[in-house]
């Protein structure tokens, strides 16, 4: 009996319809090499060439390829009908792990908007720092992750969905108001007592990468506390414990209300990226693909 997977058939059909390995990879949320591997596996199993390849040749199907496309399309259409039956119950649940900032600042609006268009969907959310999200994906405890650090591309498929500006926040005191009026930047405040996120946080990893790019010796920073919750950090800063480098998404409300002051880290500004990711061996269901596409389209590209 032929050992052909639905993933191979789907990859072949989408590639044929897109007439491009690159466009098919983007549509399927796969790497181009994975698309090629799926199609080569299908060709080997059928012992037939399905696609004419050439450096300057437009992607075309062979005669056998056209017959296989018709059969594969019919199989996938029948499977889609079965999938819709499955997704009418528990399969419509989206199992997602998210790091702190996406959980608080991105997901609520995204979930609300998605539910308005897909009212049968349900969400099962888990939360942790970026490393915890990656571990939950690796263990299969969740199927999709939103995090502030890109996971290993050898094991995960990931897409950037938002850029979040990093800022230095301080208490709203006369001294810091004067510094802000004088045009001080966050990098000029690094000798102040500082509150930091936990080391496994995606935000903290981005902060340390930024400091390294500036030649800052992080071991010399006066870190007075490490906290795993941006709300606690903002409260500590507002009370004068110290300054902190934090996501602008997380600090925006307090900055606008005047509870804290915000300083650009430098003249060019500094950003970190938020990613949506899943394991390479995870075949997303139709509802999961819809959610991934929705997040990629609707997330703010730059928060500032």
Foldseek 3Di string as FASTA:
>chain_A
DQDADLVLLQLLLLCQVVLDLVVSCVLQLHDSVVSVVSPVSVCVSVVHAFWDDDPPDRIDGDPVNVVSNVVSVVVVVVVVVVLVVVCLPPVLEAFEEEEALCVVQPPVVLVVVLCVVVVSHHYDYHYDAQVVRVVCQVVVVHFKYKHQDDDDPVWKRKDFQAKWFKWKKAALDPVVVVCVVVQDAQLVFQQKAEEEEPCRHSQRVQVVVVCVVVVHDVVPGNHPYYYNHLVVRLVCRLVGVIMYIDTCSSCVVCCVVNSIPIGANDPVTGITTMMMMHTPPDRDRPSRSVSVVSSNPPGYHYDD
